[in-house]
Amino acid sequence: LDNAIATPVNQLLKEISSPGLGSRAMIRVLLMQCMIYLLRQRLSKDDRGLAWMAALTDEKLWVALQLMLDTPGDLHSVESLAEVAGMSRSTFSKRFSEAYGNGPMELLRTLRMHRAATMLAESDLPVKRIAQLSGFQSRSAFSRAFEFIVGAAPGRFRADSNKS
């Protein structure tokens, strides 16, 4: 462990193993310190994986992204997201793609699949209902998209998830 992060990690382990008055606050602060250190390390190495974080400062894009994150199953479109962001469709698409590396609908599809995977693994809801909650009009379209992105049919994914 790098010396700069070793001290807060050791303090964190101490707080967790022997909690006392104010431990929750101390743990939160130490975790934040470790996260800042790790982010600094990655940023100083010009890590391309963190480029999207700069896009979070674009308030107009953030409004649309937050809507997608909060309600991935809603009937979003590029047009409706652009309207929320206060931009034209073309400007929104271009700025979103530049900021996040994918178009808004690609990111939305990924968010929907993550949500669907969680529901498949953690609930007994029928696949058809999960498809609806994930923003799909039909079970077959959902199943095709899920298998394409996740690599397994929804039923197989659920069965495999329940094994672990």
N, C-alpha and C. Protein backbone atom coordinates (compact mmCIF):
# COMPACT_ATOMS: atom_id res chain seq x y z
N LEU A 1 0.85 -1.18 0.00
CA LEU A 1 0.00 0.00 0.00
C LEU A 1 0.89 1.24 0.00
N ASP A 2 0.55 2.18 -0.87
CA ASP A 2 1.27 3.44 -0.95
C ASP A 2 1.21 4.12 0.42
N ASN A 3 2.33 4.73 0.82
CA ASN A 3 2.44 5.35 2.14
C ASN A 3 1.38 6.41 2.39
N ALA A 4 1.03 7.18 1.36
CA ALA A 4 0.06 8.26 1.53
C ALA A 4 -1.33 7.74 1.89
N ILE A 5 -1.67 6.56 1.45
CA ILE A 5 -2.99 6.01 1.75
C ILE A 5 -2.94 5.02 2.92
N ALA A 6 -1.76 4.56 3.26
CA ALA A 6 -1.63 3.57 4.34
C ALA A 6 -2.15 4.09 5.67
N THR A 7 -1.85 5.33 6.00
CA THR A 7 -2.28 5.88 7.29
C THR A 7 -3.80 5.93 7.41
N PRO A 8 -4.53 6.53 6.43
CA PRO A 8 -5.99 6.54 6.59
C PRO A 8 -6.61 5.13 6.54
N VAL A 9 -6.03 4.24 5.76
CA VAL A 9 -6.56 2.87 5.71
C VAL A 9 -6.37 2.19 7.07
N ASN A 10 -5.21 2.36 7.67
CA ASN A 10 -4.98 1.78 9.00
C ASN A 10 -5.91 2.37 10.04
N GLN A 11 -6.12 3.70 9.97
CA GLN A 11 -7.05 4.34 10.91
C GLN A 11 -8.48 3.82 10.69
N LEU A 12 -8.82 3.63 9.43
CA LEU A 12 -10.14 3.12 9.08
C LEU A 12 -10.35 1.73 9.67
N LEU A 13 -9.36 0.87 9.49
CA LEU A 13 -9.45 -0.49 10.03
C LEU A 13 -9.58 -0.47 11.55
N LYS A 14 -8.86 0.44 12.19
CA LYS A 14 -8.92 0.58 13.65
C LYS A 14 -10.33 1.00 14.10
N GLU A 15 -10.89 1.98 13.39
CA GLU A 15 -12.24 2.47 13.73
C GLU A 15 -13.29 1.37 13.54
N ILE A 16 -13.14 0.61 12.48
CA ILE A 16 -14.11 -0.44 12.20
C ILE A 16 -14.01 -1.57 13.23
N SER A 17 -12.78 -1.93 13.58
CA SER A 17 -12.59 -3.05 14.51
C SER A 17 -12.88 -2.69 15.96
N SER A 18 -12.71 -1.43 16.32
CA SER A 18 -12.98 -0.99 17.70
C SER A 18 -13.77 0.31 17.69
N PRO A 19 -15.06 0.22 17.34
CA PRO A 19 -15.85 1.45 17.25
C PRO A 19 -16.01 2.13 18.61
N GLY A 20 -16.07 3.43 18.54
CA GLY A 20 -16.25 4.22 19.75
C GLY A 20 -17.09 5.44 19.45
N LEU A 21 -17.13 6.36 20.37
CA LEU A 21 -17.88 7.59 20.19
C LEU A 21 -17.40 8.32 18.94
N GLY A 22 -18.29 8.60 18.01
CA GLY A 22 -17.94 9.33 16.79
C GLY A 22 -17.36 8.46 15.68
N SER A 23 -17.39 7.14 15.85
CA SER A 23 -16.79 6.26 14.84
C SER A 23 -17.45 6.38 13.47
N ARG A 24 -18.77 6.50 13.45
CA ARG A 24 -19.45 6.60 12.15
C ARG A 24 -18.96 7.82 11.37
N ALA A 25 -18.85 8.94 12.03
CA ALA A 25 -18.37 10.16 11.38
C ALA A 25 -16.92 10.00 10.95
N MET A 26 -16.11 9.41 11.81
CA MET A 26 -14.70 9.21 11.49
C MET A 26 -14.54 8.27 10.30
N ILE A 27 -15.31 7.19 10.26
CA ILE A 27 -15.23 6.24 9.15
C ILE A 27 -15.61 6.92 7.85
N ARG A 28 -16.66 7.73 7.89
CA ARG A 28 -17.09 8.46 6.69
C ARG A 28 -15.97 9.37 6.18
N VAL A 29 -15.34 10.11 7.07
CA VAL A 29 -14.27 11.03 6.69
C VAL A 29 -13.06 10.26 6.14
N LEU A 30 -12.70 9.16 6.79
CA LEU A 30 -11.55 8.38 6.32
C LEU A 30 -11.82 7.74 4.96
N LEU A 31 -13.04 7.26 4.75
CA LEU A 31 -13.40 6.72 3.43
C LEU A 31 -13.31 7.80 2.36
N MET A 32 -13.78 8.99 2.69
CA MET A 32 -13.71 10.10 1.74
C MET A 32 -12.24 10.43 1.43
N GLN A 33 -11.41 10.45 2.44
CA GLN A 33 -9.98 10.72 2.25
C GLN A 33 -9.36 9.67 1.32
N CYS A 34 -9.69 8.41 1.54
CA CYS A 34 -9.16 7.34 0.67
C CYS A 34 -9.66 7.50 -0.76
N MET A 35 -10.94 7.83 -0.93
CA MET A 35 -11.49 8.00 -2.27
C MET A 35 -10.81 9.16 -3.00
N ILE A 36 -10.60 10.27 -2.31
CA ILE A 36 -9.93 11.41 -2.93
C ILE A 36 -8.52 11.02 -3.36
N TYR A 37 -7.83 10.31 -2.51
CA TYR A 37 -6.48 9.88 -2.85
C TYR A 37 -6.50 8.99 -4.10
N LEU A 38 -7.39 8.02 -4.12
CA LEU A 38 -7.46 7.10 -5.27
C LEU A 38 -7.84 7.83 -6.56
N LEU A 39 -8.77 8.76 -6.47
CA LEU A 39 -9.13 9.55 -7.65
C LEU A 39 -7.96 10.40 -8.13
N ARG A 40 -7.24 11.01 -7.21
CA ARG A 40 -6.04 11.79 -7.58
C ARG A 40 -5.04 10.91 -8.32
N GLN A 41 -4.82 9.72 -7.81
CA GLN A 41 -3.88 8.79 -8.45
C GLN A 41 -4.29 8.50 -9.89
N ARG A 42 -5.57 8.19 -10.08
CA ARG A 42 -6.05 7.85 -11.42
C ARG A 42 -6.01 9.06 -12.34
N LEU A 43 -6.39 10.23 -11.82
CA LEU A 43 -6.37 11.44 -12.64
C LEU A 43 -4.95 11.83 -13.02
N SER A 44 -4.00 11.67 -12.10
CA SER A 44 -2.61 12.04 -12.40
C SER A 44 -2.01 11.12 -13.46
N LYS A 45 -2.58 9.94 -13.63
CA LYS A 45 -2.10 9.02 -14.66
C LYS A 45 -2.89 9.17 -15.95
N ASP A 46 -3.69 10.25 -16.03
CA ASP A 46 -4.50 10.55 -17.22
C ASP A 46 -5.37 9.35 -17.60
N ASP A 47 -6.03 8.77 -16.62
CA ASP A 47 -6.89 7.60 -16.81
C ASP A 47 -8.11 8.00 -17.63
N ARG A 48 -8.26 7.43 -18.82
CA ARG A 48 -9.37 7.74 -19.72
C ARG A 48 -10.70 7.26 -19.14
N GLY A 49 -10.65 6.30 -18.23
CA GLY A 49 -11.87 5.78 -17.62
C GLY A 49 -12.58 6.81 -16.75
N LEU A 50 -11.90 7.89 -16.40
CA LEU A 50 -12.52 8.92 -15.57
C LEU A 50 -12.94 10.15 -16.36
N ALA A 51 -12.77 10.11 -17.66
CA ALA A 51 -13.09 11.28 -18.49
C ALA A 51 -14.56 11.69 -18.34
N TRP A 52 -15.44 10.73 -18.16
CA TRP A 52 -16.87 11.04 -18.04
C TRP A 52 -17.17 11.91 -16.82
N MET A 53 -16.32 11.87 -15.80
CA MET A 53 -16.59 12.64 -14.59
C MET A 53 -16.60 14.14 -14.88
N ALA A 54 -15.78 14.57 -15.81
CA ALA A 54 -15.76 16.00 -16.17
C ALA A 54 -17.11 16.43 -16.73
N ALA A 55 -17.79 15.50 -17.38
CA ALA A 55 -19.09 15.81 -17.97
C ALA A 55 -20.14 16.10 -16.91
N LEU A 56 -19.93 15.66 -15.70
CA LEU A 56 -20.90 15.91 -14.63
C LEU A 56 -21.01 17.39 -14.29
N THR A 57 -20.04 18.17 -14.73
CA THR A 57 -20.10 19.62 -14.47
C THR A 57 -21.00 20.34 -15.46
N ASP A 58 -21.40 19.67 -16.55
CA ASP A 58 -22.32 20.26 -17.52
C ASP A 58 -23.74 20.10 -16.97
N GLU A 59 -24.25 21.17 -16.37
CA GLU A 59 -25.54 21.10 -15.67
C GLU A 59 -26.68 20.67 -16.57
N LYS A 60 -26.67 21.07 -17.81
CA LYS A 60 -27.76 20.69 -18.73
C LYS A 60 -27.74 19.19 -18.99
N LEU A 61 -26.56 18.65 -19.23
CA LEU A 61 -26.46 17.20 -19.45
C LEU A 61 -26.78 16.45 -18.16
N TRP A 62 -26.36 17.00 -17.03
CA TRP A 62 -26.59 16.34 -15.75
C TRP A 62 -28.09 16.16 -15.49
N VAL A 63 -28.91 17.16 -15.83
CA VAL A 63 -30.35 17.07 -15.63
C VAL A 63 -30.91 15.87 -16.39
N ALA A 64 -30.49 15.71 -17.64
CA ALA A 64 -30.97 14.59 -18.45
C ALA A 64 -30.43 13.27 -17.92
N LEU A 65 -29.16 13.23 -17.56
CA LEU A 65 -28.57 12.01 -17.03
C LEU A 65 -29.25 11.60 -15.73
N GLN A 66 -29.51 12.56 -14.87
CA GLN A 66 -30.16 12.26 -13.60
C GLN A 66 -31.55 11.68 -13.82
N LEU A 67 -32.28 12.21 -14.79
CA LEU A 67 -33.59 11.69 -15.13
C LEU A 67 -33.49 10.23 -15.61
N MET A 68 -32.49 9.95 -16.42
CA MET A 68 -32.27 8.58 -16.91
C MET A 68 -31.92 7.65 -15.76
N LEU A 69 -31.09 8.12 -14.84
CA LEU A 69 -30.69 7.30 -13.70
C LEU A 69 -31.86 7.05 -12.75
N ASP A 70 -32.68 8.07 -12.53
CA ASP A 70 -33.79 7.96 -11.60
C ASP A 70 -34.96 7.14 -12.16
N THR A 71 -35.20 7.27 -13.46
CA THR A 71 -36.36 6.60 -14.06
C THR A 71 -35.98 5.91 -15.37
N PRO A 72 -35.11 4.92 -15.33
CA PRO A 72 -34.68 4.29 -16.58
C PRO A 72 -35.81 3.58 -17.33
N GLY A 73 -36.85 3.17 -16.64
CA GLY A 73 -37.95 2.46 -17.29
C GLY A 73 -38.96 3.35 -17.97
N ASP A 74 -38.88 4.67 -17.76
CA ASP A 74 -39.81 5.58 -18.41
C ASP A 74 -39.55 5.63 -19.91
N LEU A 75 -40.52 6.13 -20.64
CA LEU A 75 -40.41 6.20 -22.10
C LEU A 75 -39.61 7.43 -22.53
N HIS A 76 -38.32 7.38 -22.31
CA HIS A 76 -37.44 8.47 -22.71
C HIS A 76 -37.11 8.34 -24.20
N SER A 77 -36.86 9.47 -24.80
CA SER A 77 -36.36 9.51 -26.18
C SER A 77 -35.29 10.58 -26.23
N VAL A 78 -34.52 10.60 -27.31
CA VAL A 78 -33.51 11.64 -27.45
C VAL A 78 -34.20 13.01 -27.42
N GLU A 79 -35.35 13.10 -28.06
CA GLU A 79 -36.09 14.36 -28.11
C GLU A 79 -36.52 14.79 -26.70
N SER A 80 -37.09 13.87 -25.92
CA SER A 80 -37.57 14.25 -24.59
C SER A 80 -36.41 14.60 -23.66
N LEU A 81 -35.30 13.88 -23.78
CA LEU A 81 -34.13 14.18 -22.95
C LEU A 81 -33.50 15.52 -23.35
N ALA A 82 -33.48 15.80 -24.65
CA ALA A 82 -32.95 17.08 -25.13
C ALA A 82 -33.81 18.23 -24.62
N GLU A 83 -35.12 18.01 -24.60
CA GLU A 83 -36.03 19.04 -24.11
C GLU A 83 -35.78 19.33 -22.63
N VAL A 84 -35.60 18.27 -21.84
CA VAL A 84 -35.31 18.44 -20.41
C VAL A 84 -33.99 19.20 -20.23
N ALA A 85 -33.03 18.92 -21.09
CA ALA A 85 -31.72 19.57 -21.01
C ALA A 85 -31.74 20.98 -21.59
N GLY A 86 -32.83 21.33 -22.25
CA GLY A 86 -32.93 22.67 -22.84
C GLY A 86 -32.06 22.85 -24.06
N MET A 87 -31.95 21.78 -24.86
CA MET A 87 -31.11 21.83 -26.06
C MET A 87 -31.88 21.26 -27.25
N SER A 88 -31.35 21.52 -28.42
CA SER A 88 -31.91 20.86 -29.60
C SER A 88 -31.49 19.40 -29.58
N ARG A 89 -32.20 18.59 -30.33
CA ARG A 89 -31.90 17.16 -30.37
C ARG A 89 -30.46 16.91 -30.81
N SER A 90 -30.03 17.58 -31.87
CA SER A 90 -28.69 17.35 -32.41
C SER A 90 -27.60 17.84 -31.45
N THR A 91 -27.80 19.00 -30.85
CA THR A 91 -26.81 19.52 -29.89
C THR A 91 -26.71 18.59 -28.69
N PHE A 92 -27.86 18.16 -28.17
CA PHE A 92 -27.88 17.26 -27.03
C PHE A 92 -27.15 15.96 -27.35
N SER A 93 -27.48 15.36 -28.48
CA SER A 93 -26.84 14.09 -28.86
C SER A 93 -25.33 14.23 -28.98
N LYS A 94 -24.91 15.31 -29.61
CA LYS A 94 -23.48 15.54 -29.80
C LYS A 94 -22.77 15.75 -28.46
N ARG A 95 -23.30 16.64 -27.64
CA ARG A 95 -22.66 16.91 -26.35
C ARG A 95 -22.69 15.70 -25.43
N PHE A 96 -23.79 14.95 -25.45
CA PHE A 96 -23.90 13.77 -24.61
C PHE A 96 -22.86 12.72 -25.04
N SER A 97 -22.76 12.48 -26.33
CA SER A 97 -21.80 11.49 -26.84
C SER A 97 -20.37 11.90 -26.53
N GLU A 98 -20.06 13.18 -26.69
CA GLU A 98 -18.72 13.66 -26.38
C GLU A 98 -18.41 13.51 -24.89
N ALA A 99 -19.41 13.77 -24.05
CA ALA A 99 -19.20 13.73 -22.62
C ALA A 99 -19.11 12.32 -22.07
N TYR A 100 -19.98 11.43 -22.53
CA TYR A 100 -20.09 10.11 -21.93
C TYR A 100 -19.59 8.97 -22.80
N GLY A 101 -19.17 9.28 -24.00
CA GLY A 101 -18.59 8.24 -24.85
C GLY A 101 -19.60 7.38 -25.58
N ASN A 102 -20.87 7.54 -25.31
CA ASN A 102 -21.96 6.84 -25.98
C ASN A 102 -23.12 7.79 -26.14
N GLY A 103 -24.02 7.43 -27.02
CA GLY A 103 -25.22 8.22 -27.18
C GLY A 103 -26.15 8.00 -26.00
N PRO A 104 -27.13 8.90 -25.82
CA PRO A 104 -28.03 8.78 -24.68
C PRO A 104 -28.85 7.48 -24.68
N MET A 105 -29.26 7.02 -25.83
CA MET A 105 -30.09 5.81 -25.87
C MET A 105 -29.25 4.56 -25.57
N GLU A 106 -27.98 4.56 -25.94
CA GLU A 106 -27.11 3.44 -25.59
C GLU A 106 -26.91 3.36 -24.08
N LEU A 107 -26.69 4.52 -23.47
CA LEU A 107 -26.52 4.55 -22.02
C LEU A 107 -27.82 4.15 -21.33
N LEU A 108 -28.94 4.63 -21.83
CA LEU A 108 -30.23 4.28 -21.25
C LEU A 108 -30.48 2.77 -21.34
N ARG A 109 -30.14 2.18 -22.46
CA ARG A 109 -30.31 0.72 -22.62
C ARG A 109 -29.45 -0.02 -21.59
N THR A 110 -28.23 0.44 -21.37
CA THR A 110 -27.37 -0.19 -20.38
C THR A 110 -27.96 -0.04 -18.98
N LEU A 111 -28.46 1.14 -18.64
CA LEU A 111 -29.10 1.36 -17.34
C LEU A 111 -30.30 0.44 -17.16
N ARG A 112 -31.09 0.30 -18.21
CA ARG A 112 -32.26 -0.57 -18.15
C ARG A 112 -31.86 -2.03 -17.94
N MET A 113 -30.80 -2.45 -18.61
CA MET A 113 -30.37 -3.84 -18.46
C MET A 113 -29.82 -4.12 -17.06
N HIS A 114 -29.12 -3.14 -16.50
CA HIS A 114 -28.63 -3.31 -15.11
C HIS A 114 -29.81 -3.42 -14.15
N ARG A 115 -30.80 -2.57 -14.36
CA ARG A 115 -32.00 -2.62 -13.51
C ARG A 115 -32.71 -3.95 -13.68
N ALA A 116 -32.86 -4.40 -14.90
CA ALA A 116 -33.53 -5.67 -15.17
C ALA A 116 -32.76 -6.83 -14.55
N ALA A 117 -31.44 -6.81 -14.67
CA ALA A 117 -30.63 -7.88 -14.09
C ALA A 117 -30.81 -7.93 -12.58
N THR A 118 -30.86 -6.77 -11.95
CA THR A 118 -31.07 -6.73 -10.50
C THR A 118 -32.44 -7.30 -10.14
N MET A 119 -33.47 -6.91 -10.89
CA MET A 119 -34.81 -7.43 -10.61
C MET A 119 -34.90 -8.93 -10.85
N LEU A 120 -34.25 -9.41 -11.90
CA LEU A 120 -34.26 -10.85 -12.17
C LEU A 120 -33.58 -11.63 -11.03
N ALA A 121 -32.49 -11.08 -10.54
CA ALA A 121 -31.73 -11.77 -9.50
C ALA A 121 -32.39 -11.66 -8.13
N GLU A 122 -33.09 -10.56 -7.86
CA GLU A 122 -33.56 -10.31 -6.50
C GLU A 122 -35.07 -10.39 -6.31
N SER A 123 -35.83 -10.68 -7.37
CA SER A 123 -37.28 -10.73 -7.21
C SER A 123 -37.84 -11.95 -7.94
N ASP A 124 -39.11 -12.19 -7.68
CA ASP A 124 -39.83 -13.26 -8.36
C ASP A 124 -40.79 -12.71 -9.40
N LEU A 125 -40.62 -11.44 -9.76
CA LEU A 125 -41.50 -10.84 -10.76
C LEU A 125 -41.38 -11.60 -12.07
N PRO A 126 -42.49 -11.76 -12.79
CA PRO A 126 -42.42 -12.40 -14.10
C PRO A 126 -41.55 -11.59 -15.06
N VAL A 127 -40.92 -12.26 -15.99
CA VAL A 127 -40.05 -11.59 -16.96
C VAL A 127 -40.82 -10.52 -17.72
N LYS A 128 -42.07 -10.80 -18.05
CA LYS A 128 -42.88 -9.82 -18.78
C LYS A 128 -43.01 -8.52 -17.98
N ARG A 129 -43.21 -8.62 -16.67
CA ARG A 129 -43.35 -7.43 -15.82
C ARG A 129 -42.02 -6.69 -15.71
N ILE A 130 -40.94 -7.43 -15.60
CA ILE A 130 -39.60 -6.81 -15.54
C ILE A 130 -39.33 -6.08 -16.85
N ALA A 131 -39.75 -6.68 -17.96
CA ALA A 131 -39.59 -6.02 -19.26
C ALA A 131 -40.33 -4.68 -19.27
N GLN A 132 -41.56 -4.66 -18.76
CA GLN A 132 -42.35 -3.42 -18.73
C GLN A 132 -41.69 -2.38 -17.82
N LEU A 133 -41.25 -2.81 -16.64
CA LEU A 133 -40.61 -1.90 -15.70
C LEU A 133 -39.28 -1.36 -16.21
N SER A 134 -38.69 -2.09 -17.16
CA SER A 134 -37.41 -1.69 -17.75
C SER A 134 -37.59 -0.86 -19.01
N GLY A 135 -38.83 -0.54 -19.35
CA GLY A 135 -39.08 0.35 -20.48
C GLY A 135 -39.31 -0.35 -21.80
N PHE A 136 -39.57 -1.66 -21.78
CA PHE A 136 -39.81 -2.40 -23.02
C PHE A 136 -41.30 -2.67 -23.17
N GLN A 137 -41.77 -2.55 -24.40
CA GLN A 137 -43.19 -2.76 -24.69
C GLN A 137 -43.53 -4.24 -24.83
N SER A 138 -42.53 -5.06 -25.16
CA SER A 138 -42.82 -6.49 -25.32
C SER A 138 -41.73 -7.32 -24.65
N ARG A 139 -42.15 -8.50 -24.21
CA ARG A 139 -41.21 -9.40 -23.57
C ARG A 139 -40.15 -9.88 -24.57
N SER A 140 -40.55 -10.12 -25.80
CA SER A 140 -39.59 -10.64 -26.78
C SER A 140 -38.51 -9.62 -27.11
N ALA A 141 -38.89 -8.34 -27.24
CA ALA A 141 -37.88 -7.30 -27.51
C ALA A 141 -36.93 -7.19 -26.31
N PHE A 142 -37.49 -7.25 -25.11
CA PHE A 142 -36.67 -7.21 -23.92
C PHE A 142 -35.71 -8.39 -23.88
N SER A 143 -36.22 -9.59 -24.13
CA SER A 143 -35.39 -10.80 -24.06
C SER A 143 -34.24 -10.74 -25.06
N ARG A 144 -34.53 -10.28 -26.29
CA ARG A 144 -33.46 -10.15 -27.30
C ARG A 144 -32.40 -9.15 -26.85
N ALA A 145 -32.84 -7.98 -26.35
CA ALA A 145 -31.90 -6.95 -25.91
C ALA A 145 -31.11 -7.43 -24.70
N PHE A 146 -31.78 -8.08 -23.76
CA PHE A 146 -31.10 -8.56 -22.56
C PHE A 146 -30.03 -9.58 -22.92
N GLU A 147 -30.38 -10.52 -23.77
CA GLU A 147 -29.41 -11.55 -24.16
C GLU A 147 -28.25 -10.95 -24.93
N PHE A 148 -28.52 -9.96 -25.77
CA PHE A 148 -27.46 -9.32 -26.54
C PHE A 148 -26.47 -8.60 -25.62
N ILE A 149 -26.99 -7.89 -24.62
CA ILE A 149 -26.13 -7.09 -23.75
C ILE A 149 -25.52 -7.91 -22.63
N VAL A 150 -26.32 -8.76 -21.99
CA VAL A 150 -25.85 -9.50 -20.83
C VAL A 150 -25.18 -10.82 -21.22
N GLY A 151 -25.60 -11.39 -22.35
CA GLY A 151 -25.00 -12.64 -22.79
C GLY A 151 -25.76 -13.88 -22.36
N ALA A 152 -26.93 -13.69 -21.76
CA ALA A 152 -27.76 -14.81 -21.35
C ALA A 152 -29.22 -14.38 -21.43
N ALA A 153 -30.09 -15.32 -21.74
CA ALA A 153 -31.52 -15.04 -21.75
C ALA A 153 -31.97 -14.72 -20.32
N PRO A 154 -33.01 -13.92 -20.16
CA PRO A 154 -33.46 -13.56 -18.82
C PRO A 154 -33.71 -14.76 -17.90
N GLY A 155 -34.36 -15.79 -18.41
CA GLY A 155 -34.63 -16.97 -17.59
C GLY A 155 -33.36 -17.67 -17.14
N ARG A 156 -32.41 -17.79 -18.04
CA ARG A 156 -31.12 -18.42 -17.72
C ARG A 156 -30.36 -17.57 -16.71
N PHE A 157 -30.38 -16.25 -16.92
CA PHE A 157 -29.71 -15.34 -16.00
C PHE A 157 -30.29 -15.49 -14.60
N ARG A 158 -31.62 -15.53 -14.50
CA ARG A 158 -32.28 -15.68 -13.19
C ARG A 158 -31.89 -17.01 -12.54
N ALA A 159 -31.92 -18.06 -13.32
CA ALA A 159 -31.57 -19.38 -12.77
C ALA A 159 -30.12 -19.40 -12.28
N ASP A 160 -29.22 -18.83 -13.06
CA ASP A 160 -27.81 -18.78 -12.66
C ASP A 160 -27.61 -17.90 -11.43
N SER A 161 -28.38 -16.81 -11.34
CA SER A 161 -28.26 -15.91 -10.19
C SER A 161 -28.75 -16.58 -8.91
N ASN A 162 -29.75 -17.41 -9.03
CA ASN A 162 -30.31 -18.07 -7.85
C ASN A 162 -29.43 -19.21 -7.36
N LYS A 163 -28.51 -19.68 -8.18
CA LYS A 163 -27.58 -20.74 -7.78
C LYS A 163 -26.56 -20.22 -6.78
N SER A 164 -26.17 -18.95 -6.92
CA SER A 164 -25.12 -18.41 -6.05
C SER A 164 -25.64 -17.97 -4.72
